C-alpha atoms as a PDB file:
ATOM      1  CA  MET A   1      34.193 -13.996 -61.045  1.00  0.00           C
ATOM      2  CA  GLU A   2      33.477 -11.425 -63.683  1.00  0.00           C
ATOM      3  CA  LYS A   3      35.879  -8.247 -63.911  1.00  0.00           C
ATOM      4  CA  ASP A   4      35.845  -4.807 -65.132  1.00  0.00           C
ATOM      5  CA  THR A   5      32.058  -4.280 -65.091  1.00  0.00           C
ATOM      6  CA  ALA A   6      30.247  -1.425 -63.840  1.00  0.00           C
ATOM      7  CA  LEU A   7      27.009  -3.122 -64.320  1.00  0.00           C
ATOM      8  CA  ILE A   8      24.418  -1.236 -61.680  1.00  0.00           C
ATOM      9  CA  VAL A   9      21.779  -3.775 -60.664  1.00  0.00           C
ATOM     10  CA  LEU A  10      18.855  -1.753 -59.554  1.00  0.00           C
ATOM     11  CA  ASP A  11      17.316  -5.245 -57.841  1.00  0.00           C
ATOM     12  CA  LYS A  12      18.627  -5.017 -54.154  1.00  0.00           C
ATOM     13  CA  GLU A  13      17.704  -8.986 -53.905  1.00  0.00           C
ATOM     14  CA  ILE A  14      19.616 -10.072 -56.987  1.00  0.00           C
ATOM     15  CA  VAL A  15      22.494  -7.902 -56.118  1.00  0.00           C
ATOM     16  CA  ALA A  16      22.800  -8.917 -52.418  1.00  0.00           C
ATOM     17  CA  THR A  17      22.536 -12.784 -52.999  1.00  0.00           C
ATOM     18  CA  THR A  18      24.903 -12.641 -55.814  1.00  0.00           C
ATOM     19  CA  LYS A  19      27.441 -11.336 -53.405  1.00  0.00           C
ATOM     20  CA  VAL A  20      26.174 -13.022 -50.389  1.00  0.00           C
ATOM     21  CA  ASP A  21      27.276 -16.347 -52.190  1.00  0.00           C
ATOM     22  CA  GLN A  22      30.326 -15.194 -53.668  1.00  0.00           C
ATOM     23  CA  ALA A  23      31.674 -13.823 -50.381  1.00  0.00           C
ATOM     24  CA  ILE A  24      30.833 -16.987 -48.331  1.00  0.00           C
ATOM     25  CA  TRP A  25      32.784 -19.156 -51.365  1.00  0.00           C
ATOM     26  CA  ILE A  26      35.289 -16.937 -50.356  1.00  0.00           C
ATOM     27  CA  LEU A  27      35.379 -17.291 -46.582  1.00  0.00           C
ATOM     28  CA  GLN A  28      34.782 -20.773 -46.577  1.00  0.00           C
ATOM     29  CA  GLN A  29      37.877 -21.228 -49.065  1.00  0.00           C
ATOM     30  CA  ALA A  30      40.189 -19.032 -46.243  1.00  0.00           C
ATOM     31  CA  ASP A  31      38.866 -20.968 -43.478  1.00  0.00           C
ATOM     32  CA  THR A  32      40.189 -24.398 -45.197  1.00  0.00           C
ATOM     33  CA  GLU A  33      43.386 -22.924 -46.196  1.00  0.00           C
ATOM     34  CA  LEU A  34      43.551 -21.176 -42.701  1.00  0.00           C
ATOM     35  CA  GLY A  35      43.681 -24.567 -41.649  1.00  0.00           C
ATOM     36  CA  ILE A  36      46.372 -25.547 -43.679  1.00  0.00           C
ATOM     37  CA  ILE A  37      48.259 -22.693 -42.240  1.00  0.00           C
ATOM     38  CA  LEU A  38      47.982 -23.749 -38.541  1.00  0.00           C
ATOM     39  CA  ARG A  39      48.350 -27.299 -39.094  1.00  0.00           C
ATOM     40  CA  GLU A  40      51.170 -27.620 -41.612  1.00  0.00           C
ATOM     41  CA  HIS A  41      53.145 -24.405 -41.383  1.00  0.00           C
ATOM     42  CA  SER A  42      53.060 -22.659 -37.900  1.00  0.00           C
ATOM     43  CA  VAL A  43      56.947 -22.365 -37.238  1.00  0.00           C
ATOM     44  CA  LEU A  44      57.438 -23.356 -33.649  1.00  0.00           C
ATOM     45  CA  SER A  45      61.399 -22.961 -33.495  1.00  0.00           C
ATOM     46  CA  VAL A  46      64.171 -22.432 -35.747  1.00  0.00           C
ATOM     47  CA  SER A  47      67.345 -24.240 -34.469  1.00  0.00           C
ATOM     48  CA  ASN A  48      68.923 -25.656 -37.329  1.00  0.00           C
ATOM     49  CA  ASP A  49      69.897 -24.887 -41.464  1.00  0.00           C
ATOM     50  CA  ASP A  50      67.167 -27.484 -42.056  1.00  0.00           C
ATOM     51  CA  GLU A  51      64.536 -25.802 -39.712  1.00  0.00           C
ATOM     52  CA  LYS A  52      65.280 -22.788 -41.100  1.00  0.00           C
ATOM     53  CA  VAL A  53      64.793 -23.711 -44.942  1.00  0.00           C
ATOM     54  CA  SER A  54      61.659 -25.332 -43.573  1.00  0.00           C
ATOM     55  CA  ALA A  55      60.527 -22.200 -41.764  1.00  0.00           C
ATOM     56  CA  GLU A  56      60.918 -20.021 -44.790  1.00  0.00           C
ATOM     57  CA  GLN A  57      58.692 -22.365 -47.170  1.00  0.00           C
ATOM     58  CA  SER A  58      56.331 -21.916 -44.747  1.00  0.00           C
ATOM     59  CA  VAL A  59      56.271 -18.369 -44.724  1.00  0.00           C
ATOM     60  CA  MET A  60      56.031 -18.259 -48.439  1.00  0.00           C
ATOM     61  CA  ALA A  61      53.045 -20.756 -48.280  1.00  0.00           C
ATOM     62  CA  ILE A  62      51.701 -18.435 -45.897  1.00  0.00           C
ATOM     63  CA  ARG A  63      52.243 -15.358 -47.761  1.00  0.00           C
ATOM     64  CA  LYS A  64      50.869 -17.097 -51.212  1.00  0.00           C
ATOM     65  CA  PHE A  65      47.462 -17.942 -49.378  1.00  0.00           C
ATOM     66  CA  ARG A  66      47.186 -14.337 -47.845  1.00  0.00           C
ATOM     67  CA  ARG A  67      47.780 -12.877 -51.533  1.00  0.00           C
ATOM     68  CA  SER A  68      45.229 -15.249 -52.655  1.00  0.00           C
ATOM     69  CA  TRP A  69      42.570 -13.914 -50.104  1.00  0.00           C
ATOM     70  CA  ASP A  70      43.486 -10.445 -50.667  1.00  0.00           C
ATOM     71  CA  SER A  71      43.016 -10.703 -54.255  1.00  0.00           C
ATOM     72  CA  LEU A  72      39.821 -12.672 -54.106  1.00  0.00           C
ATOM     73  CA  ARG A  73      38.417  -9.833 -51.800  1.00  0.00           C
ATOM     74  CA  LYS A  74      39.373  -7.094 -54.355  1.00  0.00           C
ATOM     75  CA  ASP A  75      37.767  -9.309 -57.081  1.00  0.00           C
ATOM     76  CA  TRP A  76      34.678  -9.515 -54.933  1.00  0.00           C
ATOM     77  CA  GLY A  77      34.396  -5.682 -54.297  1.00  0.00           C
ATOM     78  CA  HIS A  78      35.460  -4.591 -57.725  1.00  0.00           C
ATOM     79  CA  PRO A  79      32.192  -4.233 -59.731  1.00  0.00           C
ATOM     80  CA  LEU A  80      30.908  -2.481 -56.870  1.00  0.00           C
ATOM     81  CA  ASP A  81      33.762  -0.221 -57.005  1.00  0.00           C
ATOM     82  CA  VAL A  82      33.478   0.477 -60.478  1.00  0.00           C
ATOM     83  CA  ALA A  83      29.822   0.877 -59.985  1.00  0.00           C
ATOM     84  CA  LYS A  84      30.520   3.241 -57.382  1.00  0.00           C
ATOM     85  CA  LYS A  85      33.039   5.511 -59.678  1.00  0.00           C
ATOM     86  CA  THR A  86      30.474   5.403 -62.270  1.00  0.00           C
ATOM     87  CA  MET A  87      27.533   6.600 -60.089  1.00  0.00           C
ATOM     88  CA  ASP A  88      29.539   9.364 -58.074  1.00  0.00           C
ATOM     89  CA  GLY A  89      30.545  10.512 -61.485  1.00  0.00           C
ATOM     90  CA  ALA A  90      27.264  10.576 -62.823  1.00  0.00           C
ATOM     91  CA  VAL A  91      25.708  12.306 -59.887  1.00  0.00           C
ATOM     92  CA  ARG A  92      28.302  14.825 -59.170  1.00  0.00           C
ATOM     93  CA  GLN A  93      28.168  15.825 -63.060  1.00  0.00           C
ATOM     94  CA  ARG A  94      24.074  16.751 -62.773  1.00  0.00           C
ATOM     95  CA  ASP A  95      24.808  17.929 -58.875  1.00  0.00           C
ATOM     96  CA  GLU A  96      27.500  20.449 -60.772  1.00  0.00           C
ATOM     97  CA  GLN A  97      24.726  22.038 -62.902  1.00  0.00           C
ATOM     98  CA  ALA A  98      22.367  22.213 -60.335  1.00  0.00           C
ATOM     99  CA  GLU A  99      24.719  23.915 -57.752  1.00  0.00           C
ATOM    100  CA  GLY A 100      25.133  26.419 -60.391  1.00  0.00           C
ATOM    101  CA  ALA A 101      21.331  27.126 -60.779  1.00  0.00           C
ATOM    102  CA  GLU A 102      21.150  27.136 -56.644  1.00  0.00           C
ATOM    103  CA  LYS A 103      23.980  29.660 -56.257  1.00  0.00           C
ATOM    104  CA  ASN A 104      22.232  31.881 -59.602  1.00  0.00           C
ATOM    105  CA  GLY A 105      19.074  31.832 -57.212  1.00  0.00           C
ATOM    106  CA  LEU A 106      21.105  32.342 -54.145  1.00  0.00           C
ATOM    107  CA  ARG A 107      23.003  35.540 -55.940  1.00  0.00           C
ATOM    108  CA  PHE A 108      19.584  36.838 -57.157  1.00  0.00           C
ATOM    109  CA  ILE A 109      17.658  36.879 -53.583  1.00  0.00           C
ATOM    110  CA  GLN A 110      20.798  38.033 -51.686  1.00  0.00           C
ATOM    111  CA  ASP A 111      20.970  40.837 -54.384  1.00  0.00           C
ATOM    112  CA  TYR A 112      17.445  41.711 -53.673  1.00  0.00           C
ATOM    113  CA  THR A 113      17.199  41.047 -49.953  1.00  0.00           C
ATOM    114  CA  ILE A 114      20.651  43.899 -50.066  1.00  0.00           C
ATOM    115  CA  GLU A 115      18.685  46.324 -52.368  1.00  0.00           C
ATOM    116  CA  GLN A 116      15.739  46.156 -49.945  1.00  0.00           C
ATOM    117  CA  ALA A 117      17.689  46.725 -46.968  1.00  0.00           C
ATOM    118  CA  ARG A 118      19.225  49.833 -48.981  1.00  0.00           C
ATOM    119  CA  PHE A 119      15.438  51.178 -49.893  1.00  0.00           C
ATOM    120  CA  GLN A 120      14.377  51.183 -45.846  1.00  0.00           C
ATOM    121  CA  ARG A 121      17.587  52.993 -44.935  1.00  0.00           C
ATOM    122  CA  ALA A 122      17.184  55.399 -47.770  1.00  0.00           C
ATOM    123  CA  LYS A 123      13.704  55.901 -46.527  1.00  0.00           C
ATOM    124  CA  GLU A 124      14.427  56.737 -43.132  1.00  0.00           C
ATOM    125  CA  VAL A 125      17.665  58.869 -43.930  1.00  0.00           C
ATOM    126  CA  GLU A 126      15.073  60.900 -45.715  1.00  0.00           C
ATOM    127  CA  ALA A 127      12.578  60.931 -42.605  1.00  0.00           C
ATOM    128  CA  GLN A 128      15.348  62.186 -40.473  1.00  0.00           C
ATOM    129  CA  ARG A 129      16.207  64.746 -42.805  1.00  0.00           C
ATOM    130  CA  ALA A 130      12.669  66.322 -43.257  1.00  0.00           C
ATOM    131  CA  ALA A 131      12.314  66.013 -39.724  1.00  0.00           C
ATOM    132  CA  ASP A 132      15.499  67.468 -38.935  1.00  0.00           C
ATOM    133  CA  GLU A 133      14.399  70.678 -41.648  1.00  0.00           C
ATOM    134  CA  ALA A 134      11.429  71.089 -40.248  1.00  0.00           C
ATOM    135  CA  ASN A 135      13.386  71.607 -36.593  1.00  0.00           C
ATOM    136  CA  ARG A 136      15.446  73.918 -38.055  1.00  0.00           C
ATOM    137  CA  ILE A 137      12.830  76.170 -39.672  1.00  0.00           C
ATOM    138  CA  LEU A 138      10.996  76.312 -36.397  1.00  0.00           C
ATOM    139  CA  ARG A 139      14.254  77.234 -34.241  1.00  0.00           C
ATOM    140  CA  GLU A 140      14.448  79.886 -36.925  1.00  0.00           C
ATOM    141  CA  LEU A 141      10.963  81.136 -36.247  1.00  0.00           C
ATOM    142  CA  HIS A 142      11.401  81.339 -32.522  1.00  0.00           C
ATOM    143  CA  GLU A 143      14.364  83.021 -32.770  1.00  0.00           C
ATOM    144  CA  LYS A 144      12.947  85.559 -35.070  1.00  0.00           C
ATOM    145  CA  GLU A 145       9.984  86.035 -32.667  1.00  0.00           C
ATOM    146  CA  GLU A 146      12.007  86.838 -29.939  1.00  0.00           C
ATOM    147  CA  ALA A 147      14.180  89.289 -31.786  1.00  0.00           C
ATOM    148  CA  GLU A 148      11.084  90.846 -33.127  1.00  0.00           C
ATOM    149  CA  ALA A 149       9.907  91.286 -29.492  1.00  0.00           C
ATOM    150  CA  LYS A 150      13.254  93.166 -28.048  1.00  0.00           C
ATOM    151  CA  LEU A 151      13.325  95.478 -30.824  1.00  0.00           C
ATOM    152  CA  ALA A 152       9.641  96.581 -29.234  1.00  0.00           C
ATOM    153  CA  GLY A 153      10.140  96.242 -25.702  1.00  0.00           C
ATOM    154  CA  GLU A 154       8.005  93.694 -25.139  1.00  0.00           C
ATOM    155  CA  VAL A 155       8.592  90.664 -23.072  1.00  0.00           C
ATOM    156  CA  TYR A 156       9.066  87.943 -25.465  1.00  0.00           C
ATOM    157  CA  LYS A 157       6.848  84.619 -23.673  1.00  0.00           C
ATOM    158  CA  PRO A 158       7.619  81.660 -26.682  1.00  0.00           C
ATOM    159  CA  ASP A 159       5.319  79.198 -26.969  1.00  0.00           C
ATOM    160  CA  SER A 160       6.857  75.410 -26.455  1.00  0.00           C
ATOM    161  CA  ILE A 161       8.538  74.845 -29.832  1.00  0.00           C
ATOM    162  CA  PRO A 162       6.807  71.658 -31.137  1.00  0.00           C
ATOM    163  CA  GLU A 163       9.493  68.871 -31.749  1.00  0.00           C
ATOM    164  CA  VAL A 164       9.133  67.592 -35.275  1.00  0.00           C
ATOM    165  CA  VAL A 165       9.527  63.546 -35.021  1.00  0.00           C
ATOM    166  CA  VAL A 166      10.712  61.209 -37.961  1.00  0.00           C
ATOM    167  CA  LYS A 167       7.770  59.544 -39.530  1.00  0.00           C
ATOM    168  CA  THR A 168       7.963  55.675 -38.846  1.00  0.00           C
ATOM    169  CA  GLU A 169       6.852  53.384 -41.134  1.00  0.00           C
ATOM    170  CA  GLU A 170       6.660  49.664 -41.139  1.00  0.00           C
ATOM    171  CA  PRO A 171       9.719  48.107 -42.674  1.00  0.00           C
ATOM    172  CA  HIS A 172       8.620  46.125 -45.641  1.00  0.00           C
ATOM    173  CA  ILE A 173       8.794  42.505 -44.689  1.00  0.00           C
ATOM    174  CA  ILE A 174      10.341  39.733 -47.179  1.00  0.00           C
ATOM    175  CA  PRO A 175       8.737  37.231 -47.239  1.00  0.00           C
ATOM    176  CA  LYS A 176      10.276  33.465 -47.078  1.00  0.00           C
ATOM    177  CA  ALA A 177       9.381  30.290 -48.460  1.00  0.00           C
ATOM    178  CA  GLN A 178       8.363  27.636 -46.636  1.00  0.00           C
ATOM    179  CA  GLY A 179      10.649  24.990 -45.161  1.00  0.00           C
ATOM    180  CA  ILE A 180      13.891  27.598 -45.433  1.00  0.00           C
ATOM    181  CA  SER A 181      15.498  29.994 -42.690  1.00  0.00           C
ATOM    182  CA  TYR A 182      18.743  31.740 -42.765  1.00  0.00           C
ATOM    183  CA  ARG A 183      21.742  32.026 -40.256  1.00  0.00           C
ATOM    184  CA  ARG A 184      23.537  35.495 -40.123  1.00  0.00           C
ATOM    185  CA  VAL A 185      27.529  35.333 -41.588  1.00  0.00           C
ATOM    186  CA  TRP A 186      29.060  38.593 -40.873  1.00  0.00           C
ATOM    187  CA  MET A 187      31.925  39.398 -43.260  1.00  0.00           C
ATOM    188  CA  TYR A 188      33.935  42.558 -43.945  1.00  0.00           C
ATOM    189  CA  ARG A 189      36.017  44.336 -46.871  1.00  0.00           C
ATOM    190  CA  VAL A 190      38.693  46.649 -46.708  1.00  0.00           C
ATOM    191  CA  GLU A 191      37.730  49.928 -47.800  1.00  0.00           C
ATOM    192  CA  ASP A 192      40.893  52.065 -46.578  1.00  0.00           C
ATOM    193  CA  GLU A 193      43.747  49.839 -45.432  1.00  0.00           C
ATOM    194  CA  SER A 194      45.485  52.765 -43.937  1.00  0.00           C
ATOM    195  CA  LYS A 195      43.316  53.242 -41.428  1.00  0.00           C
ATOM    196  CA  VAL A 196      43.092  49.678 -40.214  1.00  0.00           C
ATOM    197  CA  PRO A 197      44.805  49.479 -36.410  1.00  0.00           C
ATOM    198  CA  ASP A 198      47.950  47.576 -36.299  1.00  0.00           C
ATOM    199  CA  ALA A 199      45.861  44.821 -33.985  1.00  0.00           C
ATOM    200  CA  TYR A 200      44.108  43.550 -37.326  1.00  0.00           C
ATOM    201  CA  THR A 201      47.175  43.556 -39.748  1.00  0.00           C
ATOM    202  CA  ARG A 202      50.106  41.826 -39.871  1.00  0.00           C
ATOM    203  CA  ARG A 203      51.737  44.100 -42.691  1.00  0.00           C
ATOM    204  CA  VAL A 204      48.928  42.868 -44.437  1.00  0.00           C
ATOM    205  CA  ILE A 205      45.053  42.204 -43.321  1.00  0.00           C
ATOM    206  CA  ASP A 206      44.913  40.124 -40.465  1.00  0.00           C
ATOM    207  CA  ASP A 207      41.635  38.022 -41.256  1.00  0.00           C
ATOM    208  CA  GLU A 208      41.786  35.990 -38.137  1.00  0.00           C
ATOM    209  CA  ALA A 209      42.009  38.571 -36.010  1.00  0.00           C
ATOM    210  CA  ILE A 210      39.039  40.597 -37.689  1.00  0.00           C
ATOM    211  CA  LYS A 211      36.803  37.351 -37.712  1.00  0.00           C
ATOM    212  CA  ARG A 212      37.979  37.427 -34.066  1.00  0.00           C
ATOM    213  CA  ALA A 213      36.878  40.402 -33.370  1.00  0.00           C
ATOM    214  CA  ILE A 214      33.623  40.271 -35.221  1.00  0.00           C
ATOM    215  CA  SER A 215      32.507  36.753 -33.521  1.00  0.00           C
ATOM    216  CA  VAL A 216      33.604  38.758 -29.894  1.00  0.00           C
ATOM    217  CA  ALA A 217      31.363  41.518 -31.103  1.00  0.00           C
ATOM    218  CA  THR A 218      28.481  39.083 -32.074  1.00  0.00           C
ATOM    219  CA  ARG A 219      25.123  38.659 -29.849  1.00  0.00           C
ATOM    220  CA  THR A 220      21.739  36.958 -30.730  1.00  0.00           C
ATOM    221  CA  VAL A 221      18.662  38.576 -30.629  1.00  0.00           C
ATOM    222  CA  PRO A 222      15.314  36.873 -29.990  1.00  0.00           C
ATOM    223  CA  ASP A 223      13.354  35.659 -32.483  1.00  0.00           C
ATOM    224  CA  ALA A 224      15.514  37.507 -35.066  1.00  0.00           C
ATOM    225  CA  LEU A 225      19.143  36.730 -36.549  1.00  0.00           C
ATOM    226  CA  SER A 226      22.358  37.760 -35.028  1.00  0.00           C
ATOM    227  CA  ALA A 227      23.833  41.458 -34.404  1.00  0.00           C
ATOM    228  CA  CYS A 228      27.585  42.535 -34.930  1.00  0.00           C
ATOM    229  CA  ASP A 229      28.657  45.326 -32.870  1.00  0.00           C
ATOM    230  CA  ALA A 230      32.138  45.114 -34.188  1.00  0.00           C
ATOM    231  CA  LYS A 231      33.804  48.594 -35.514  1.00  0.00           C
ATOM    232  CA  ILE A 232      36.987  48.830 -36.992  1.00  0.00           C
ATOM    233  CA  PRO A 233      38.651  51.578 -38.696  1.00  0.00           C
ATOM    234  CA  GLY A 234      38.839  51.134 -42.405  1.00  0.00           C
ATOM    235  CA  ILE A 235      36.739  48.011 -42.613  1.00  0.00           C
ATOM    236  CA  VAL A 236      33.481  47.676 -43.395  1.00  0.00           C
ATOM    237  CA  ILE A 237      31.633  44.901 -41.429  1.00  0.00           C
ATOM    238  CA  PHE A 238      28.400  43.520 -43.001  1.00  0.00           C
ATOM    239  CA  ASN A 239      26.294  40.585 -43.259  1.00  0.00           C
ATOM    240  CA  ASP A 240      25.872  37.334 -45.494  1.00  0.00           C
ATOM    241  CA  ASP A 241      22.389  35.807 -44.794  1.00  0.00           C
ATOM    242  CA  ARG A 242      22.806  32.344 -45.893  1.00  0.00           C
ATOM    243  CA  PRO A 243      19.798  29.569 -46.007  1.00  0.00           C
ATOM    244  CA  ILE A 244      19.504  26.581 -43.918  1.00  0.00           C
ATOM    245  CA  VAL A 245      16.995  24.224 -46.331  1.00  0.00           C
ATOM    246  CA  ARG A 246      15.341  22.044 -44.362  1.00  0.00           C
ATOM    247  CA  GLY A 247      13.343  18.888 -45.826  1.00  0.00           C
END
């Protein structure tokens, strides 16, 4: 049989036929030799020196047959092993480059998603600030009118102060490519280790304790990604939405 070849035959029929024929020959040879072992080398007893030597000779003969079978087995599979290693290496080389491109794309996607979320939060904060400022002005106006009425000796009958509510805008819905979905993974980073409770440290940050706390505080949300209510002093808990590509 041929050795040390990494030839990859793309025609499966040729590969199958050749390797099956070789396997049949190897097994037929092994069956013949197994018959010899069972007929001539089955040790039934050892009761004297001659029988001991004969048994040793049988053991050596059996071992020789077994080594031959193992060698034939390895020879039969060697070309396929070499071909597999060659293919694994070739695919891995390409996959590493593709993985790098995928990670790069995910990084840009995540950066954009985070920036959009920050922008949305900034709009909400500004809207709340504007509403708070408007309500403050209205309250001051009310207090001024009341003070003027008292100075004039009049009975002040205040009108109801309208509450300025935060103007809500429809959040920007970031589109997704067809066939991709996300699972939310909650993560954390330590901002001030001195504020982290002892329950979450072992003189160093206890990663497992924090993850358990995050897991306990994570809840499902209907028709949406999960939410996490965990709050740990000195630690910022944030999510990393990771894609699940189907198809």
